[in-house]
């Protein structure tokens, strides 16, 4: 077995409870604050799980999308869609700014080492 495979399998078996605990802590912390936990996930993806920065950012963005999609039904119960639709200019501005920021951040990230 190659050294990289040995390290990866040792890390996976040795720290599965740590990984589960870290994920649970991020979920609770993000839920209490009202965020998806992305601010807390990224340092753990890089530091604890050993992802490269670009891979960690991509995975973090994908997890954020899943969190938003899962939370959407509960949020629509709390705030009716008609109330959100009445403020469509705000939603469009936020979406446009988020898309531009994600595009700029991704283009800068691929140029980093």
PDB file of N, CA and C in Angstrom:
ATOM      1  N   UNK A   1       0.849  -1.180   0.000  1.00  0.00           N
ATOM      2  CA  UNK A   1       0.000   0.000   0.000  1.00  0.00           C
ATOM      3  C   UNK A   1       0.895   1.244   0.000  1.00  0.00           C
ATOM      4  N   UNK A   2       0.548   2.249  -0.806  1.00  0.00           N
ATOM      5  CA  UNK A   2       1.338   3.473  -0.901  1.00  0.00           C
ATOM      6  C   UNK A   2       1.205   4.284   0.383  1.00  0.00           C
ATOM      7  N   UNK A   3       2.239   5.082   0.721  1.00  0.00           N
ATOM      8  CA  UNK A   3       2.171   5.881   1.952  1.00  0.00           C
ATOM      9  C   UNK A   3       0.981   6.818   2.006  1.00  0.00           C
ATOM     10  N   UNK A   4       0.593   7.404   0.876  1.00  0.00           N
ATOM     11  CA  UNK A   4      -0.548   8.324   0.876  1.00  0.00           C
ATOM     12  C   UNK A   4      -1.842   7.579   1.196  1.00  0.00           C
ATOM     13  N   UNK A   5      -1.984   6.351   0.654  1.00  0.00           N
ATOM     14  CA  UNK A   5      -3.180   5.566   0.945  1.00  0.00           C
ATOM     15  C   UNK A   5      -3.212   5.149   2.404  1.00  0.00           C
ATOM     16  N   UNK A   6      -2.052   4.799   2.953  1.00  0.00           N
ATOM     17  CA  UNK A   6      -1.977   4.413   4.357  1.00  0.00           C
ATOM     18  C   UNK A   6      -2.378   5.581   5.245  1.00  0.00           C
ATOM     19  N   UNK A   7      -1.864   6.771   4.942  1.00  0.00           N
ATOM     20  CA  UNK A   7      -2.186   7.961   5.720  1.00  0.00           C
ATOM     21  C   UNK A   7      -3.675   8.278   5.635  1.00  0.00           C
ATOM     22  N   UNK A   8      -4.221   8.196   4.430  1.00  0.00           N
ATOM     23  CA  UNK A   8      -5.642   8.511   4.252  1.00  0.00           C
ATOM     24  C   UNK A   8      -6.524   7.517   5.001  1.00  0.00           C
ATOM     25  N   UNK A   9      -6.215   6.221   4.916  1.00  0.00           N
ATOM     26  CA  UNK A   9      -7.048   5.246   5.611  1.00  0.00           C
ATOM     27  C   UNK A   9      -6.876   5.346   7.121  1.00  0.00           C
ATOM     28  N   UNK A  10      -5.662   5.651   7.583  1.00  0.00           N
ATOM     29  CA  UNK A  10      -5.445   5.823   9.021  1.00  0.00           C
ATOM     30  C   UNK A  10      -6.200   7.040   9.534  1.00  0.00           C
ATOM     31  N   UNK A  11      -6.177   8.123   8.770  1.00  0.00           N
ATOM     32  CA  UNK A  11      -6.891   9.336   9.177  1.00  0.00           C
ATOM     33  C   UNK A  11      -8.391   9.081   9.222  1.00  0.00           C
ATOM     34  N   UNK A  12      -8.911   8.335   8.250  1.00  0.00           N
ATOM     35  CA  UNK A  12     -10.349   8.090   8.185  1.00  0.00           C
ATOM     36  C   UNK A  12     -10.819   7.225   9.353  1.00  0.00           C
ATOM     37  N   UNK A  13     -10.057   6.199   9.696  1.00  0.00           N
ATOM     38  CA  UNK A  13     -10.494   5.331  10.783  1.00  0.00           C
ATOM     39  C   UNK A  13     -10.217   5.944  12.146  1.00  0.00           C
ATOM     40  N   UNK A  14      -9.118   6.641  12.276  1.00  0.00           N
ATOM     41  CA  UNK A  14      -8.737   7.181  13.571  1.00  0.00           C
ATOM     42  C   UNK A  14      -9.614   8.340  13.985  1.00  0.00           C
ATOM     43  N   UNK A  15     -10.016   9.175  13.048  1.00  0.00           N
ATOM     44  CA  UNK A  15     -10.679  10.413  13.433  1.00  0.00           C
ATOM     45  C   UNK A  15     -12.150  10.482  13.021  1.00  0.00           C
ATOM     46  N   UNK A  16     -12.782   9.353  12.756  1.00  0.00           N
ATOM     47  CA  UNK A  16     -14.203   9.388  12.395  1.00  0.00           C
ATOM     48  C   UNK A  16     -15.050  10.022  13.496  1.00  0.00           C
ATOM     49  N   UNK A  17     -14.846   9.706  14.774  1.00  0.00           N
ATOM     50  CA  UNK A  17     -15.622  10.389  15.815  1.00  0.00           C
ATOM     51  C   UNK A  17     -15.319  11.888  15.886  1.00  0.00           C
ATOM     52  N   UNK A  18     -14.061  12.242  15.639  1.00  0.00           N
ATOM     53  CA  UNK A  18     -13.698  13.667  15.639  1.00  0.00           C
ATOM     54  C   UNK A  18     -14.393  14.378  14.484  1.00  0.00           C
ATOM     55  N   UNK A  19     -14.401  13.743  13.322  1.00  0.00           N
ATOM     56  CA  UNK A  19     -15.070  14.346  12.160  1.00  0.00           C
ATOM     57  C   UNK A  19     -16.567  14.500  12.406  1.00  0.00           C
ATOM     58  N   UNK A  20     -17.182  13.468  12.970  1.00  0.00           N
ATOM     59  CA  UNK A  20     -18.607  13.551  13.280  1.00  0.00           C
ATOM     60  C   UNK A  20     -18.876  14.658  14.290  1.00  0.00           C
ATOM     61  N   UNK A  21     -18.062  14.721  15.315  1.00  0.00           N
ATOM     62  CA  UNK A  21     -18.223  15.762  16.342  1.00  0.00           C
ATOM     63  C   UNK A  21     -18.042  17.155  15.768  1.00  0.00           C
ATOM     64  N   UNK A  22     -17.045  17.319  14.878  1.00  0.00           N
ATOM     65  CA  UNK A  22     -16.814  18.623  14.257  1.00  0.00           C
ATOM     66  C   UNK A  22     -18.007  19.018  13.387  1.00  0.00           C
ATOM     67  N   UNK A  23     -18.534  18.061  12.626  1.00  0.00           N
ATOM     68  CA  UNK A  23     -19.709  18.353  11.798  1.00  0.00           C
ATOM     69  C   UNK A  23     -20.923  18.715  12.628  1.00  0.00           C
ATOM     70  N   UNK A  24     -21.120  17.993  13.722  1.00  0.00           N
ATOM     71  CA  UNK A  24     -22.253  18.292  14.605  1.00  0.00           C
ATOM     72  C   UNK A  24     -22.094  19.668  15.248  1.00  0.00           C
ATOM     73  N   UNK A  25     -20.886  19.995  15.681  1.00  0.00           N
ATOM     74  CA  UNK A  25     -20.641  21.300  16.301  1.00  0.00           C
ATOM     75  C   UNK A  25     -20.877  22.431  15.296  1.00  0.00           C
ATOM     76  N   UNK A  26     -20.437  22.247  14.070  1.00  0.00           N
ATOM     77  CA  UNK A  26     -20.648  23.264  13.037  1.00  0.00           C
ATOM     78  C   UNK A  26     -22.136  23.416  12.750  1.00  0.00           C
ATOM     79  N   UNK A  27     -22.864  22.311  12.688  1.00  0.00           N
ATOM     80  CA  UNK A  27     -24.301  22.376  12.444  1.00  0.00           C
ATOM     81  C   UNK A  27     -25.037  23.115  13.546  1.00  0.00           C
ATOM     82  N   UNK A  28     -24.696  22.801  14.796  1.00  0.00           N
ATOM     83  CA  UNK A  28     -25.346  23.470  15.930  1.00  0.00           C
ATOM     84  C   UNK A  28     -24.981  24.948  15.959  1.00  0.00           C
ATOM     85  N   UNK A  29     -23.694  25.237  15.821  1.00  0.00           N
ATOM     86  CA  UNK A  29     -23.225  26.624  15.863  1.00  0.00           C
ATOM     87  C   UNK A  29     -23.838  27.443  14.727  1.00  0.00           C
ATOM     88  N   UNK A  30     -23.799  26.906  13.512  1.00  0.00           N
ATOM     89  CA  UNK A  30     -24.388  27.603  12.374  1.00  0.00           C
ATOM     90  C   UNK A  30     -25.881  27.792  12.522  1.00  0.00           C
ATOM     91  N   UNK A  31     -26.573  26.779  13.059  1.00  0.00           N
ATOM     92  CA  UNK A  31     -28.013  26.888  13.262  1.00  0.00           C
ATOM     93  C   UNK A  31     -28.380  27.915  14.316  1.00  0.00           C
ATOM     94  N   UNK A  32     -27.592  27.991  15.376  1.00  0.00           N
ATOM     95  CA  UNK A  32     -27.880  28.959  16.438  1.00  0.00           C
ATOM     96  C   UNK A  32     -27.646  30.389  15.969  1.00  0.00           C
ATOM     97  N   UNK A  33     -26.631  30.579  15.152  1.00  0.00           N
ATOM     98  CA  UNK A  33     -26.315  31.917  14.669  1.00  0.00           C
ATOM     99  C   UNK A  33     -27.234  32.296  13.510  1.00  0.00           C
ATOM    100  N   UNK A  34     -27.748  31.309  12.806  1.00  0.00           N
ATOM    101  CA  UNK A  34     -28.629  31.581  11.682  1.00  0.00           C
ATOM    102  C   UNK A  34     -27.915  31.514  10.347  1.00  0.00           C
ATOM    103  N   UNK A  35     -26.710  31.012  10.357  1.00  0.00           N
ATOM    104  CA  UNK A  35     -25.947  30.846   9.128  1.00  0.00           C
ATOM    105  C   UNK A  35     -25.886  29.358   8.805  1.00  0.00           C
ATOM    106  N   UNK A  36     -25.341  29.044   7.659  1.00  0.00           N
ATOM    107  CA  UNK A  36     -25.218  27.641   7.289  1.00  0.00           C
ATOM    108  C   UNK A  36     -23.992  26.966   7.860  1.00  0.00           C
ATOM    109  N   UNK A  37     -23.126  27.695   8.504  1.00  0.00           N
ATOM    110  CA  UNK A  37     -21.926  27.109   9.081  1.00  0.00           C
ATOM    111  C   UNK A  37     -20.710  27.187   8.186  1.00  0.00           C
ATOM    112  N   UNK A  38     -20.819  27.836   7.028  1.00  0.00           N
ATOM    113  CA  UNK A  38     -19.708  27.879   6.079  1.00  0.00           C
ATOM    114  C   UNK A  38     -18.464  28.531   6.673  1.00  0.00           C
ATOM    115  N   UNK A  39     -18.671  29.518   7.528  1.00  0.00           N
ATOM    116  CA  UNK A  39     -17.533  30.217   8.129  1.00  0.00           C
ATOM    117  C   UNK A  39     -16.741  29.293   9.033  1.00  0.00           C
ATOM    118  N   UNK A  40     -17.412  28.291   9.575  1.00  0.00           N
ATOM    119  CA  UNK A  40     -16.765  27.356  10.491  1.00  0.00           C
ATOM    120  C   UNK A  40     -16.257  26.119   9.760  1.00  0.00           C
ATOM    121  N   UNK A  41     -16.888  25.772   8.639  1.00  0.00           N
ATOM    122  CA  UNK A  41     -16.494  24.567   7.898  1.00  0.00           C
ATOM    123  C   UNK A  41     -15.151  24.713   7.220  1.00  0.00           C
ATOM    124  N   UNK A  42     -14.904  25.851   6.605  1.00  0.00           N
ATOM    125  CA  UNK A  42     -13.708  26.018   5.785  1.00  0.00           C
ATOM    126  C   UNK A  42     -12.414  25.785   6.558  1.00  0.00           C
ATOM    127  N   UNK A  43     -12.230  26.369   7.745  1.00  0.00           N
ATOM    128  CA  UNK A  43     -10.990  26.076   8.475  1.00  0.00           C
ATOM    129  C   UNK A  43     -10.838  24.597   8.839  1.00  0.00           C
ATOM    130  N   UNK A  44     -11.954  23.930   9.120  1.00  0.00           N
ATOM    131  CA  UNK A  44     -11.868  22.499   9.442  1.00  0.00           C
ATOM    132  C   UNK A  44     -11.566  21.663   8.203  1.00  0.00           C
ATOM    133  N   UNK A  45     -12.143  22.030   7.065  1.00  0.00           N
ATOM    134  CA  UNK A  45     -11.848  21.286   5.843  1.00  0.00           C
ATOM    135  C   UNK A  45     -10.357  21.352   5.504  1.00  0.00           C
ATOM    136  N   UNK A  46      -9.760  22.514   5.716  1.00  0.00           N
ATOM    137  CA  UNK A  46      -8.339  22.670   5.411  1.00  0.00           C
ATOM    138  C   UNK A  46      -7.469  22.099   6.526  1.00  0.00           C
ATOM    139  N   UNK A  47      -7.758  22.461   7.773  1.00  0.00           N
ATOM    140  CA  UNK A  47      -6.898  22.069   8.884  1.00  0.00           C
ATOM    141  C   UNK A  47      -7.089  20.641   9.351  1.00  0.00           C
ATOM    142  N   UNK A  48      -8.321  20.255   9.650  1.00  0.00           N
ATOM    143  CA  UNK A  48      -8.586  18.937  10.220  1.00  0.00           C
ATOM    144  C   UNK A  48      -8.610  17.842   9.159  1.00  0.00           C
ATOM    145  N   UNK A  49      -9.253  18.133   8.024  1.00  0.00           N
ATOM    146  CA  UNK A  49      -9.424  17.096   7.011  1.00  0.00           C
ATOM    147  C   UNK A  49      -8.345  17.119   5.933  1.00  0.00           C
ATOM    148  N   UNK A  50      -7.516  18.148   5.890  1.00  0.00           N
ATOM    149  CA  UNK A  50      -6.373  18.181   4.985  1.00  0.00           C
ATOM    150  C   UNK A  50      -6.674  18.472   3.532  1.00  0.00           C
ATOM    151  N   UNK A  51      -7.784  19.143   3.232  1.00  0.00           N
ATOM    152  CA  UNK A  51      -8.084  19.511   1.854  1.00  0.00           C
ATOM    153  C   UNK A  51      -7.173  20.643   1.405  1.00  0.00           C
ATOM    154  N   UNK A  52      -6.859  20.675   0.120  1.00  0.00           N
ATOM    155  CA  UNK A  52      -6.184  21.839  -0.463  1.00  0.00           C
ATOM    156  C   UNK A  52      -7.188  22.992  -0.455  1.00  0.00           C
ATOM    157  N   UNK A  53      -6.684  24.218  -0.464  1.00  0.00           N
ATOM    158  CA  UNK A  53      -7.552  25.394  -0.312  1.00  0.00           C
ATOM    159  C   UNK A  53      -8.645  25.451  -1.378  1.00  0.00           C
ATOM    160  N   UNK A  54      -8.293  25.265  -2.630  1.00  0.00           N
ATOM    161  CA  UNK A  54      -9.292  25.362  -3.701  1.00  0.00           C
ATOM    162  C   UNK A  54     -10.332  24.254  -3.587  1.00  0.00           C
ATOM    163  N   UNK A  55      -9.893  23.047  -3.307  1.00  0.00           N
ATOM    164  CA  UNK A  55     -10.845  21.937  -3.131  1.00  0.00           C
ATOM    165  C   UNK A  55     -11.762  22.184  -1.944  1.00  0.00           C
ATOM    166  N   UNK A  56     -11.217  22.734  -0.868  1.00  0.00           N
ATOM    167  CA  UNK A  56     -12.026  23.030   0.318  1.00  0.00           C
ATOM    168  C   UNK A  56     -13.074  24.088   0.011  1.00  0.00           C
ATOM    169  N   UNK A  57     -12.710  25.100  -0.749  1.00  0.00           N
ATOM    170  CA  UNK A  57     -13.661  26.162  -1.099  1.00  0.00           C
ATOM    171  C   UNK A  57     -14.779  25.598  -1.972  1.00  0.00           C
ATOM    172  N   UNK A  58     -14.432  24.763  -2.933  1.00  0.00           N
ATOM    173  CA  UNK A  58     -15.444  24.175  -3.812  1.00  0.00           C
ATOM    174  C   UNK A  58     -16.399  23.284  -3.015  1.00  0.00           C
ATOM    175  N   UNK A  59     -15.848  22.439  -2.160  1.00  0.00           N
ATOM    176  CA  UNK A  59     -16.688  21.568  -1.337  1.00  0.00           C
ATOM    177  C   UNK A  59     -17.556  22.384  -0.383  1.00  0.00           C
ATOM    178  N   UNK A  60     -16.983  23.431   0.186  1.00  0.00           N
ATOM    179  CA  UNK A  60     -17.723  24.294   1.105  1.00  0.00           C
ATOM    180  C   UNK A  60     -18.897  24.975   0.400  1.00  0.00           C
ATOM    181  N   UNK A  61     -18.681  25.431  -0.815  1.00  0.00           N
ATOM    182  CA  UNK A  61     -19.766  26.058  -1.585  1.00  0.00           C
ATOM    183  C   UNK A  61     -20.870  25.049  -1.897  1.00  0.00           C
ATOM    184  N   UNK A  62     -20.476  23.832  -2.244  1.00  0.00           N
ATOM    185  CA  UNK A  62     -21.482  22.799  -2.532  1.00  0.00           C
ATOM    186  C   UNK A  62     -22.293  22.485  -1.274  1.00  0.00           C
ATOM    187  N   UNK A  63     -21.615  22.396  -0.120  1.00  0.00           N
ATOM    188  CA  UNK A  63     -22.342  22.130   1.125  1.00  0.00           C
ATOM    189  C   UNK A  63     -23.259  23.290   1.476  1.00  0.00           C
ATOM    190  N   UNK A  64     -22.826  24.518   1.207  1.00  0.00           N
ATOM    191  CA  UNK A  64     -23.675  25.682   1.476  1.00  0.00           C
ATOM    192  C   UNK A  64     -24.942  25.634   0.634  1.00  0.00           C
ATOM    193  N   UNK A  65     -24.823  25.218  -0.615  1.00  0.00           N
ATOM    194  CA  UNK A  65     -25.995  25.095  -1.483  1.00  0.00           C
ATOM    195  C   UNK A  65     -26.972  24.066  -0.928  1.00  0.00           C
ATOM    196  N   UNK A  66     -26.458  22.937  -0.454  1.00  0.00           N
ATOM    197  CA  UNK A  66     -27.315  21.903   0.135  1.00  0.00           C
ATOM    198  C   UNK A  66     -28.016  22.440   1.380  1.00  0.00           C
ATOM    199  N   UNK A  67     -27.283  23.170   2.230  1.00  0.00           N
ATOM    200  CA  UNK A  67     -27.872  23.728   3.453  1.00  0.00           C
ATOM    201  C   UNK A  67     -29.008  24.690   3.111  1.00  0.00           C
ATOM    202  N   UNK A  68     -28.802  25.545   2.126  1.00  0.00           N
ATOM    203  CA  UNK A  68     -29.839  26.510   1.734  1.00  0.00           C
ATOM    204  C   UNK A  68     -31.061  25.783   1.175  1.00  0.00           C
ATOM    205  N   UNK A  69     -30.851  24.777   0.341  1.00  0.00           N
ATOM    206  CA  UNK A  69     -31.981  24.045  -0.238  1.00  0.00           C
ATOM    207  C   UNK A  69     -32.777  23.282   0.825  1.00  0.00           C
ATOM    208  N   UNK A  70     -32.071  22.741   1.822  1.00  0.00           N
ATOM    209  CA  UNK A  70     -32.767  22.014   2.885  1.00  0.00           C
ATOM    210  C   UNK A  70     -33.519  22.977   3.797  1.00  0.00           C
ATOM    211  N   UNK A  71     -32.962  24.147   4.051  1.00  0.00           N
ATOM    212  CA  UNK A  71     -33.574  25.122   4.956  1.00  0.00           C
ATOM    213  C   UNK A  71     -34.716  25.908   4.306  1.00  0.00           C
ATOM    214  N   UNK A  72     -34.767  25.938   2.992  1.00  0.00           N
ATOM    215  CA  UNK A  72     -35.757  26.753   2.289  1.00  0.00           C
ATOM    216  C   UNK A  72     -37.204  26.427   2.669  1.00  0.00           C
ATOM    217  N   UNK A  73     -37.630  25.167   2.718  1.00  0.00           N
ATOM    218  CA  UNK A  73     -39.028  24.902   3.104  1.00  0.00           C
ATOM    219  C   UNK A  73     -39.370  25.422   4.498  1.00  0.00           C
ATOM    220  N   UNK A  74     -38.485  25.244   5.456  1.00  0.00           N
ATOM    221  CA  UNK A  74     -38.754  25.730   6.812  1.00  0.00           C
ATOM    222  C   UNK A  74     -38.811  27.248   6.846  1.00  0.00           C
ATOM    223  N   UNK A  75     -37.969  27.889   6.081  1.00  0.00           N
ATOM    224  CA  UNK A  75     -37.971  29.360   6.062  1.00  0.00           C
ATOM    225  C   UNK A  75     -39.221  29.892   5.373  1.00  0.00           C
ATOM    226  N   UNK A  76     -39.721  29.189   4.363  1.00  0.00           N
ATOM    227  CA  UNK A  76     -40.936  29.639   3.691  1.00  0.00           C
ATOM    228  C   UNK A  76     -42.167  29.465   4.572  1.00  0.00           C
ATOM    229  N   UNK A  77     -42.107  28.565   5.546  1.00  0.00           N
ATOM    230  CA  UNK A  77     -43.200  28.449   6.516  1.00  0.00           C
ATOM    231  C   UNK A  77     -43.170  29.652   7.459  1.00  0.00           C
ATOM    232  N   UNK A  78     -41.966  30.058   7.857  1.00  0.00           N
ATOM    233  CA  UNK A  78     -41.824  31.179   8.796  1.00  0.00           C
ATOM    234  C   UNK A  78     -42.114  32.522   8.123  1.00  0.00           C
ATOM    235  N   UNK A  79     -41.679  32.679   6.885  1.00  0.00           N
ATOM    236  CA  UNK A  79     -41.897  33.928   6.139  1.00  0.00           C
ATOM    237  C   UNK A  79     -42.561  33.544   4.823  1.00  0.00           C
ATOM    238  N   UNK A  80     -43.829  33.882   4.639  1.00  0.00           N
ATOM    239  CA  UNK A  80     -44.543  33.491   3.419  1.00  0.00           C
ATOM    240  C   UNK A  80     -43.874  34.030   2.151  1.00  0.00           C
ATOM    241  N   UNK A  81     -44.004  33.271   1.088  1.00  0.00           N
ATOM    242  CA  UNK A  81     -43.406  33.633  -0.192  1.00  0.00           C
ATOM    243  C   UNK A  81     -43.930  34.975  -0.697  1.00  0.00           C
ATOM    244  N   UNK A  82     -45.153  35.313  -0.391  1.00  0.00           N
ATOM    245  CA  UNK A  82     -45.714  36.601  -0.826  1.00  0.00           C
ATOM    246  C   UNK A  82     -44.950  37.771  -0.199  1.00  0.00           C
ATOM    247  N   UNK A  83     -44.534  37.626   1.058  1.00  0.00           N
ATOM    248  CA  UNK A  83     -43.750  38.686   1.705  1.00  0.00           C
ATOM    249  C   UNK A  83     -42.375  38.828   1.073  1.00  0.00           C
ATOM    250  N   UNK A  84     -41.790  37.696   0.701  1.00  0.00           N
ATOM    251  CA  UNK A  84     -40.479  37.728   0.040  1.00  0.00           C
ATOM    252  C   UNK A  84     -40.619  38.327  -1.355  1.00  0.00           C
ATOM    253  N   UNK A  85     -41.664  37.939  -2.083  1.00  0.00           N
ATOM    254  CA  UNK A  85     -41.872  38.437  -3.442  1.00  0.00           C
ATOM    255  C   UNK A  85     -42.116  39.941  -3.458  1.00  0.00           C
ATOM    256  N   UNK A  86     -42.688  40.472  -2.388  1.00  0.00           N
ATOM    257  CA  UNK A  86     -42.935  41.916  -2.331  1.00  0.00           C
ATOM    258  C   UNK A  86     -41.624  42.701  -2.275  1.00  0.00           C
ATOM    259  N   UNK A  87     -40.585  42.072  -1.850  1.00  0.00           N
ATOM    260  CA  UNK A  87     -39.271  42.734  -1.752  1.00  0.00           C
ATOM    261  C   UNK A  87     -38.300  42.188  -2.801  1.00  0.00           C
ATOM    262  N   UNK A  88     -38.794  41.897  -3.983  1.00  0.00           N
ATOM    263  CA  UNK A  88     -37.973  41.310  -5.028  1.00  0.00           C
ATOM    264  C   UNK A  88     -36.769  42.150  -5.416  1.00  0.00           C
ATOM    265  N   UNK A  89     -36.828  43.503  -5.409  1.00  0.00           N
ATOM    266  CA  UNK A  89     -35.609  44.246  -5.772  1.00  0.00           C
ATOM    267  C   UNK A  89     -34.445  43.979  -4.811  1.00  0.00           C
ATOM    268  N   UNK A  90     -34.762  43.830  -3.533  1.00  0.00           N
ATOM    269  CA  UNK A  90     -33.713  43.531  -2.552  1.00  0.00           C
ATOM    270  C   UNK A  90     -33.124  42.160  -2.829  1.00  0.00           C
ATOM    271  N   UNK A  91     -33.988  41.173  -3.085  1.00  0.00           N
ATOM    272  CA  UNK A  91     -33.519  39.815  -3.356  1.00  0.00           C
ATOM    273  C   UNK A  91     -32.660  39.769  -4.616  1.00  0.00           C
ATOM    274  N   UNK A  92     -33.058  40.488  -5.651  1.00  0.00           N
ATOM    275  CA  UNK A  92     -32.280  40.504  -6.899  1.00  0.00           C
ATOM    276  C   UNK A  92     -30.917  41.153  -6.678  1.00  0.00           C
ATOM    277  N   UNK A  93     -30.876  42.255  -5.914  1.00  0.00           N
ATOM    278  CA  UNK A  93     -29.593  42.898  -5.630  1.00  0.00           C
ATOM    279  C   UNK A  93     -28.670  41.994  -4.821  1.00  0.00           C
ATOM    280  N   UNK A  94     -29.219  41.323  -3.816  1.00  0.00           N
ATOM    281  CA  UNK A  94     -28.410  40.400  -3.027  1.00  0.00           C
ATOM    282  C   UNK A  94     -27.893  39.242  -3.872  1.00  0.00           C
ATOM    283  N   UNK A  95     -28.766  38.705  -4.722  1.00  0.00           N
ATOM    284  CA  UNK A  95     -28.357  37.608  -5.591  1.00  0.00           C
ATOM    285  C   UNK A  95     -27.276  38.053  -6.574  1.00  0.00           C
ATOM    286  N   UNK A  96     -27.447  39.230  -7.176  1.00  0.00           N
ATOM    287  CA  UNK A  96     -26.454  39.728  -8.127  1.00  0.00           C
ATOM    288  C   UNK A  96     -25.108  39.954  -7.441  1.00  0.00           C
ATOM    289  N   UNK A  97     -25.132  40.553  -6.259  1.00  0.00           N
ATOM    290  CA  UNK A  97     -23.888  40.765  -5.525  1.00  0.00           C
ATOM    291  C   UNK A  97     -23.226  39.461  -5.125  1.00  0.00           C
ATOM    292  N   UNK A  98     -24.016  38.484  -4.711  1.00  0.00           N
ATOM    293  CA  UNK A  98     -23.474  37.185  -4.330  1.00  0.00           C
ATOM    294  C   UNK A  98     -22.863  36.466  -5.525  1.00  0.00           C
ATOM    295  N   UNK A  99     -23.550  36.515  -6.655  1.00  0.00           N
ATOM    296  CA  UNK A  99     -23.024  35.860  -7.855  1.00  0.00           C
ATOM    297  C   UNK A  99     -21.732  36.517  -8.322  1.00  0.00           C
ATOM    298  N   UNK A 100     -21.696  37.848  -8.315  1.00  0.00           N
ATOM    299  CA  UNK A 100     -20.473  38.533  -8.704  1.00  0.00           C
ATOM    300  C   UNK A 100     -19.335  38.211  -7.736  1.00  0.00           C
ATOM    301  N   UNK A 101     -19.624  38.228  -6.434  1.00  0.00           N
ATOM    302  CA  UNK A 101     -18.595  37.906  -5.443  1.00  0.00           C
ATOM    303  C   UNK A 101     -18.086  36.486  -5.584  1.00  0.00           C
ATOM    304  N   UNK A 102     -18.990  35.541  -5.838  1.00  0.00           N
ATOM    305  CA  UNK A 102     -18.573  34.146  -6.031  1.00  0.00           C
ATOM    306  C   UNK A 102     -17.718  34.005  -7.280  1.00  0.00           C
ATOM    307  N   UNK A 103     -18.104  34.691  -8.348  1.00  0.00           N
ATOM    308  CA  UNK A 103     -17.323  34.633  -9.589  1.00  0.00           C
ATOM    309  C   UNK A 103     -15.935  35.225  -9.372  1.00  0.00           C
ATOM    310  N   UNK A 104     -15.870  36.396  -8.742  1.00  0.00           N
ATOM    311  CA  UNK A 104     -14.570  37.035  -8.501  1.00  0.00           C
ATOM    312  C   UNK A 104     -13.709  36.184  -7.573  1.00  0.00           C
ATOM    313  N   UNK A 105     -14.307  35.663  -6.506  1.00  0.00           N
ATOM    314  CA  UNK A 105     -13.548  34.833  -5.575  1.00  0.00           C
ATOM    315  C   UNK A 105     -13.037  33.558  -6.225  1.00  0.00           C
ATOM    316  N   UNK A 106     -13.861  32.937  -7.059  1.00  0.00           N
ATOM    317  CA  UNK A 106     -13.430  31.707  -7.737  1.00  0.00           C
ATOM    318  C   UNK A 106     -12.307  31.986  -8.725  1.00  0.00           C
ATOM    319  N   UNK A 107     -12.405  33.100  -9.443  1.00  0.00           N
ATOM    320  CA  UNK A 107     -11.334  33.405 -10.401  1.00  0.00           C
ATOM    321  C   UNK A 107     -10.032  33.756  -9.683  1.00  0.00           C
ATOM    322  N   UNK A 108     -10.111  34.384  -8.534  1.00  0.00           N
ATOM    323  CA  UNK A 108      -8.892  34.653  -7.753  1.00  0.00           C
ATOM    324  C   UNK A 108      -8.345  33.368  -7.157  1.00  0.00           C
ATOM    325  N   UNK A 109      -9.235  32.485  -6.721  1.00  0.00           N
ATOM    326  CA  UNK A 109      -8.788  31.243  -6.062  1.00  0.00           C
ATOM    327  C   UNK A 109      -8.032  30.345  -7.025  1.00  0.00           C
ATOM    328  N   UNK A 110      -8.472  30.269  -8.289  1.00  0.00           N
ATOM    329  CA  UNK A 110      -7.768  29.388  -9.229  1.00  0.00           C
ATOM    330  C   UNK A 110      -6.410  29.948  -9.606  1.00  0.00           C
ATOM    331  N   UNK A 111      -6.170  31.219  -9.393  1.00  0.00           N
ATOM    332  CA  UNK A 111      -4.855  31.792  -9.673  1.00  0.00           C
ATOM    333  C   UNK A 111      -3.893  31.652  -8.495  1.00  0.00           C
ATOM    334  N   UNK A 112      -4.409  31.284  -7.322  1.00  0.00           N
ATOM    335  CA  UNK A 112      -3.553  31.100  -6.155  1.00  0.00           C
ATOM    336  C   UNK A 112      -2.797  29.779  -6.241  1.00  0.00           C
ATOM    337  N   UNK A 113      -1.700  29.692  -5.526  1.00  0.00           N
ATOM    338  CA  UNK A 113      -0.969  28.420  -5.453  1.00  0.00           C
ATOM    339  C   UNK A 113      -1.721  27.442  -4.612  1.00  0.00           C
TER     340      UNK A 113
END
